[in-house]
């Protein structure tokens, strides 16, 4: 079921989005997802994966091969990992403390 602001997707795009959600969710069960049309290309979909994990590259490690396969097959779905707002605030606070020598 689509969220009220998620775009209507073709069956193939919806299948790809669900597959990528499963891949991310298998490693990061607490992940939350939003789906948007890319602001740069209306034929491309951005799957925003909110994961409370310090190294967002680890999220991409789970899906990058499949994303590239899908792109080669003409299915333009991109996974964009983001941290929750609270995690980002905690990281910024720690960086400020480190920079000030506390």
N, C-alpha and C. Protein backbone atom coordinates (compact mmCIF):
# COMPACT_ATOMS: atom_id res chain seq x y z
N UNK A 1 0.84 -1.19 0.00
CA UNK A 1 0.00 0.00 0.00
C UNK A 1 0.89 1.25 0.00
N UNK A 2 0.55 2.19 -0.85
CA UNK A 2 1.31 3.42 -0.93
C UNK A 2 0.92 4.36 0.19
N UNK A 3 1.93 5.14 0.64
CA UNK A 3 1.63 6.22 1.56
C UNK A 3 0.86 7.28 0.80
N UNK A 4 0.23 8.23 1.51
CA UNK A 4 -0.64 9.17 0.81
C UNK A 4 0.11 10.13 -0.10
N UNK A 5 1.42 10.26 0.06
CA UNK A 5 2.18 11.16 -0.80
C UNK A 5 3.13 10.42 -1.73
N UNK A 6 3.10 9.10 -1.70
CA UNK A 6 4.00 8.35 -2.58
C UNK A 6 3.46 8.37 -4.00
N UNK A 7 4.37 8.42 -4.97
CA UNK A 7 3.92 8.46 -6.36
C UNK A 7 3.37 7.11 -6.80
N UNK A 8 2.51 7.15 -7.78
CA UNK A 8 2.01 5.91 -8.38
C UNK A 8 3.13 5.35 -9.25
N UNK A 9 3.45 4.08 -9.05
CA UNK A 9 4.56 3.45 -9.76
C UNK A 9 4.08 2.36 -10.68
N UNK A 10 4.85 2.13 -11.73
CA UNK A 10 4.57 0.97 -12.58
C UNK A 10 4.80 -0.29 -11.75
N UNK A 11 4.27 -1.39 -12.22
CA UNK A 11 4.44 -2.66 -11.49
C UNK A 11 5.92 -2.98 -11.32
N UNK A 12 6.73 -2.75 -12.34
CA UNK A 12 8.17 -3.07 -12.26
C UNK A 12 8.88 -2.18 -11.26
N UNK A 13 8.57 -0.89 -11.26
CA UNK A 13 9.18 0.01 -10.28
C UNK A 13 8.75 -0.35 -8.86
N UNK A 14 7.46 -0.67 -8.68
CA UNK A 14 6.97 -1.04 -7.35
C UNK A 14 7.66 -2.31 -6.86
N UNK A 15 7.84 -3.27 -7.76
CA UNK A 15 8.53 -4.51 -7.42
C UNK A 15 9.98 -4.23 -7.00
N UNK A 16 10.65 -3.35 -7.72
CA UNK A 16 12.03 -3.00 -7.40
C UNK A 16 12.12 -2.30 -6.04
N UNK A 17 11.20 -1.38 -5.78
CA UNK A 17 11.18 -0.66 -4.50
C UNK A 17 10.98 -1.65 -3.36
N UNK A 18 10.03 -2.56 -3.51
CA UNK A 18 9.76 -3.53 -2.45
C UNK A 18 10.96 -4.45 -2.23
N UNK A 19 11.62 -4.85 -3.31
CA UNK A 19 12.82 -5.69 -3.19
C UNK A 19 13.92 -4.97 -2.42
N UNK A 20 14.14 -3.70 -2.73
CA UNK A 20 15.17 -2.93 -2.05
C UNK A 20 14.82 -2.68 -0.59
N UNK A 21 13.54 -2.47 -0.31
CA UNK A 21 13.10 -2.33 1.08
C UNK A 21 13.41 -3.60 1.87
N UNK A 22 13.15 -4.74 1.26
CA UNK A 22 13.43 -6.03 1.92
C UNK A 22 14.92 -6.20 2.18
N UNK A 23 15.74 -5.84 1.20
CA UNK A 23 17.19 -5.96 1.38
C UNK A 23 17.68 -5.09 2.54
N UNK A 24 17.26 -3.84 2.55
CA UNK A 24 17.67 -2.94 3.63
C UNK A 24 17.09 -3.42 4.96
N UNK A 25 15.82 -3.77 4.96
CA UNK A 25 15.14 -4.21 6.17
C UNK A 25 15.70 -5.50 6.76
N UNK A 26 16.28 -6.35 5.91
CA UNK A 26 16.86 -7.59 6.43
C UNK A 26 18.09 -7.32 7.28
N UNK A 27 18.81 -6.25 6.98
CA UNK A 27 20.02 -5.88 7.74
C UNK A 27 19.73 -4.83 8.80
N UNK A 28 18.75 -3.97 8.51
CA UNK A 28 18.39 -2.87 9.41
C UNK A 28 16.87 -2.91 9.63
N UNK A 29 16.39 -3.79 10.51
CA UNK A 29 14.94 -3.96 10.67
C UNK A 29 14.20 -2.71 11.12
N UNK A 30 14.91 -1.77 11.73
CA UNK A 30 14.25 -0.55 12.20
C UNK A 30 14.12 0.52 11.11
N UNK A 31 14.61 0.22 9.91
CA UNK A 31 14.58 1.19 8.82
C UNK A 31 13.15 1.62 8.49
N UNK A 32 13.03 2.89 8.17
CA UNK A 32 11.76 3.45 7.71
C UNK A 32 11.98 3.98 6.30
N UNK A 33 10.95 3.91 5.47
CA UNK A 33 11.11 4.23 4.06
C UNK A 33 10.09 5.26 3.59
N UNK A 34 10.56 6.08 2.65
CA UNK A 34 9.69 7.00 1.91
C UNK A 34 10.08 6.88 0.44
N UNK A 35 9.12 7.05 -0.42
CA UNK A 35 9.36 6.92 -1.86
C UNK A 35 8.94 8.23 -2.53
N UNK A 36 9.84 8.75 -3.36
CA UNK A 36 9.58 10.00 -4.08
C UNK A 36 10.04 9.86 -5.53
N UNK A 37 9.44 10.64 -6.38
CA UNK A 37 10.00 10.82 -7.72
C UNK A 37 11.24 11.68 -7.55
N UNK A 38 12.28 11.36 -8.26
CA UNK A 38 13.50 12.15 -8.19
C UNK A 38 13.21 13.57 -8.68
N UNK A 39 13.71 14.57 -7.96
CA UNK A 39 13.50 15.94 -8.44
C UNK A 39 14.29 16.24 -9.71
N UNK A 40 15.28 15.41 -10.01
CA UNK A 40 16.13 15.63 -11.19
C UNK A 40 15.65 14.89 -12.43
N UNK A 41 14.85 13.83 -12.24
CA UNK A 41 14.41 13.00 -13.36
C UNK A 41 13.09 12.35 -12.99
N UNK A 42 12.01 12.76 -13.62
CA UNK A 42 10.69 12.27 -13.24
C UNK A 42 10.49 10.78 -13.50
N UNK A 43 11.40 10.18 -14.25
CA UNK A 43 11.32 8.74 -14.52
C UNK A 43 12.10 7.93 -13.49
N UNK A 44 12.76 8.60 -12.58
CA UNK A 44 13.59 7.96 -11.56
C UNK A 44 12.92 8.06 -10.19
N UNK A 45 13.10 7.02 -9.40
CA UNK A 45 12.50 6.97 -8.07
C UNK A 45 13.61 7.00 -7.02
N UNK A 46 13.39 7.78 -5.98
CA UNK A 46 14.30 7.82 -4.83
C UNK A 46 13.63 7.09 -3.68
N UNK A 47 14.29 6.06 -3.18
CA UNK A 47 13.84 5.34 -2.00
C UNK A 47 14.66 5.86 -0.82
N UNK A 48 14.04 6.67 0.01
CA UNK A 48 14.72 7.25 1.16
C UNK A 48 14.64 6.23 2.30
N UNK A 49 15.79 5.78 2.77
CA UNK A 49 15.84 4.79 3.86
C UNK A 49 16.40 5.49 5.10
N UNK A 50 15.54 5.69 6.09
CA UNK A 50 15.98 6.31 7.35
C UNK A 50 16.43 5.20 8.27
N UNK A 51 17.73 5.22 8.61
CA UNK A 51 18.34 4.17 9.41
C UNK A 51 19.17 4.82 10.51
N UNK A 52 18.96 4.41 11.74
CA UNK A 52 19.73 4.95 12.87
C UNK A 52 21.04 4.18 12.97
N UNK A 53 21.97 4.57 12.11
CA UNK A 53 23.24 3.88 12.01
C UNK A 53 24.29 4.92 11.65
N UNK A 54 25.41 4.89 12.31
CA UNK A 54 26.41 5.95 12.12
C UNK A 54 26.96 6.00 10.70
N UNK A 55 27.33 4.85 10.14
CA UNK A 55 27.97 4.82 8.82
C UNK A 55 26.94 4.46 7.76
N UNK A 56 26.46 5.47 7.04
CA UNK A 56 25.45 5.26 6.02
C UNK A 56 25.97 4.42 4.84
N UNK A 57 27.29 4.35 4.67
CA UNK A 57 27.84 3.51 3.61
C UNK A 57 27.48 2.05 3.84
N UNK A 58 27.31 1.65 5.08
CA UNK A 58 26.93 0.27 5.36
C UNK A 58 25.54 -0.05 4.83
N UNK A 59 24.68 0.95 4.80
CA UNK A 59 23.36 0.76 4.21
C UNK A 59 23.51 0.52 2.71
N UNK A 60 24.32 1.33 2.06
CA UNK A 60 24.51 1.18 0.62
C UNK A 60 25.19 -0.14 0.26
N UNK A 61 26.07 -0.61 1.14
CA UNK A 61 26.74 -1.89 0.89
C UNK A 61 25.72 -3.02 0.71
N UNK A 62 24.58 -2.91 1.36
CA UNK A 62 23.56 -3.96 1.30
C UNK A 62 22.85 -3.97 -0.06
N UNK A 63 22.74 -2.80 -0.71
CA UNK A 63 21.90 -2.71 -1.91
C UNK A 63 22.63 -2.32 -3.19
N UNK A 64 23.85 -1.88 -3.11
CA UNK A 64 24.48 -1.26 -4.28
C UNK A 64 24.52 -2.17 -5.51
N UNK A 65 24.85 -3.43 -5.32
CA UNK A 65 24.91 -4.33 -6.48
C UNK A 65 23.55 -4.46 -7.15
N UNK A 66 22.50 -4.59 -6.34
CA UNK A 66 21.15 -4.74 -6.91
C UNK A 66 20.69 -3.44 -7.56
N UNK A 67 20.99 -2.31 -6.97
CA UNK A 67 20.63 -1.02 -7.57
C UNK A 67 21.29 -0.89 -8.95
N UNK A 68 22.57 -1.25 -9.04
CA UNK A 68 23.27 -1.17 -10.34
C UNK A 68 22.66 -2.13 -11.35
N UNK A 69 22.30 -3.33 -10.93
CA UNK A 69 21.64 -4.28 -11.84
C UNK A 69 20.31 -3.72 -12.35
N UNK A 70 19.55 -3.14 -11.44
CA UNK A 70 18.27 -2.55 -11.84
C UNK A 70 18.48 -1.40 -12.82
N UNK A 71 19.46 -0.55 -12.55
CA UNK A 71 19.74 0.56 -13.46
C UNK A 71 20.13 0.06 -14.85
N UNK A 72 20.95 -0.98 -14.89
CA UNK A 72 21.35 -1.56 -16.18
C UNK A 72 20.15 -2.13 -16.93
N UNK A 73 19.14 -2.60 -16.19
CA UNK A 73 17.92 -3.15 -16.78
C UNK A 73 16.89 -2.05 -17.09
N UNK A 74 17.27 -0.79 -16.86
CA UNK A 74 16.37 0.32 -17.17
C UNK A 74 15.38 0.65 -16.08
N UNK A 75 15.61 0.14 -14.87
CA UNK A 75 14.73 0.43 -13.74
C UNK A 75 15.46 1.41 -12.82
N UNK A 76 15.05 2.66 -12.88
CA UNK A 76 15.78 3.73 -12.19
C UNK A 76 15.23 3.94 -10.77
N UNK A 77 15.81 3.19 -9.84
CA UNK A 77 15.48 3.34 -8.42
C UNK A 77 16.79 3.58 -7.69
N UNK A 78 16.84 4.64 -6.92
CA UNK A 78 18.03 4.98 -6.16
C UNK A 78 17.72 4.93 -4.67
N UNK A 79 18.60 4.32 -3.90
CA UNK A 79 18.44 4.27 -2.46
C UNK A 79 19.25 5.43 -1.87
N UNK A 80 18.59 6.21 -1.02
CA UNK A 80 19.22 7.35 -0.38
C UNK A 80 19.14 7.14 1.13
N UNK A 81 20.26 6.68 1.74
CA UNK A 81 20.22 6.48 3.19
C UNK A 81 20.35 7.80 3.94
N UNK A 82 19.53 7.97 4.95
CA UNK A 82 19.60 9.15 5.81
C UNK A 82 19.50 8.70 7.26
N UNK A 83 20.05 9.53 8.13
CA UNK A 83 19.96 9.26 9.57
C UNK A 83 18.74 9.98 10.14
N UNK A 84 18.19 9.46 11.22
CA UNK A 84 17.12 10.21 11.90
C UNK A 84 17.66 11.54 12.43
N UNK A 85 16.79 12.51 12.57
CA UNK A 85 17.18 13.85 13.01
C UNK A 85 17.92 13.79 14.34
N UNK A 86 17.44 13.01 15.28
CA UNK A 86 18.08 12.93 16.59
C UNK A 86 19.51 12.42 16.49
N UNK A 87 19.76 11.44 15.64
CA UNK A 87 21.12 10.91 15.46
C UNK A 87 22.02 12.00 14.90
N UNK A 88 21.54 12.75 13.93
CA UNK A 88 22.35 13.84 13.36
C UNK A 88 22.66 14.91 14.40
N UNK A 89 21.69 15.23 15.23
CA UNK A 89 21.94 16.22 16.28
C UNK A 89 23.00 15.72 17.25
N UNK A 90 22.94 14.45 17.60
CA UNK A 90 23.93 13.86 18.51
C UNK A 90 25.33 13.91 17.90
N UNK A 91 25.43 13.60 16.63
CA UNK A 91 26.72 13.63 15.93
C UNK A 91 27.26 15.06 15.88
N UNK A 92 26.41 16.03 15.56
CA UNK A 92 26.86 17.43 15.50
C UNK A 92 27.32 17.91 16.88
N UNK A 93 26.60 17.54 17.92
CA UNK A 93 26.98 17.93 19.28
C UNK A 93 28.36 17.35 19.64
N UNK A 94 28.57 16.08 19.33
CA UNK A 94 29.85 15.44 19.60
C UNK A 94 30.98 16.11 18.81
N UNK A 95 30.72 16.48 17.57
CA UNK A 95 31.74 17.14 16.76
C UNK A 95 32.09 18.51 17.32
N UNK A 96 31.09 19.25 17.79
CA UNK A 96 31.35 20.56 18.39
C UNK A 96 32.20 20.42 19.66
N UNK A 97 31.87 19.43 20.45
CA UNK A 97 32.63 19.19 21.69
C UNK A 97 34.08 18.84 21.36
N UNK A 98 34.27 18.01 20.36
CA UNK A 98 35.63 17.61 19.96
C UNK A 98 36.38 18.83 19.44
N UNK A 99 35.74 19.64 18.64
CA UNK A 99 36.39 20.82 18.07
C UNK A 99 36.74 21.85 19.14
N UNK A 100 35.93 21.94 20.19
CA UNK A 100 36.21 22.92 21.24
C UNK A 100 37.14 22.38 22.31
N UNK A 101 37.49 21.08 22.23
CA UNK A 101 38.43 20.50 23.16
C UNK A 101 37.82 20.04 24.47
N UNK A 102 36.48 19.92 24.52
CA UNK A 102 35.83 19.44 25.75
C UNK A 102 35.99 17.95 25.94
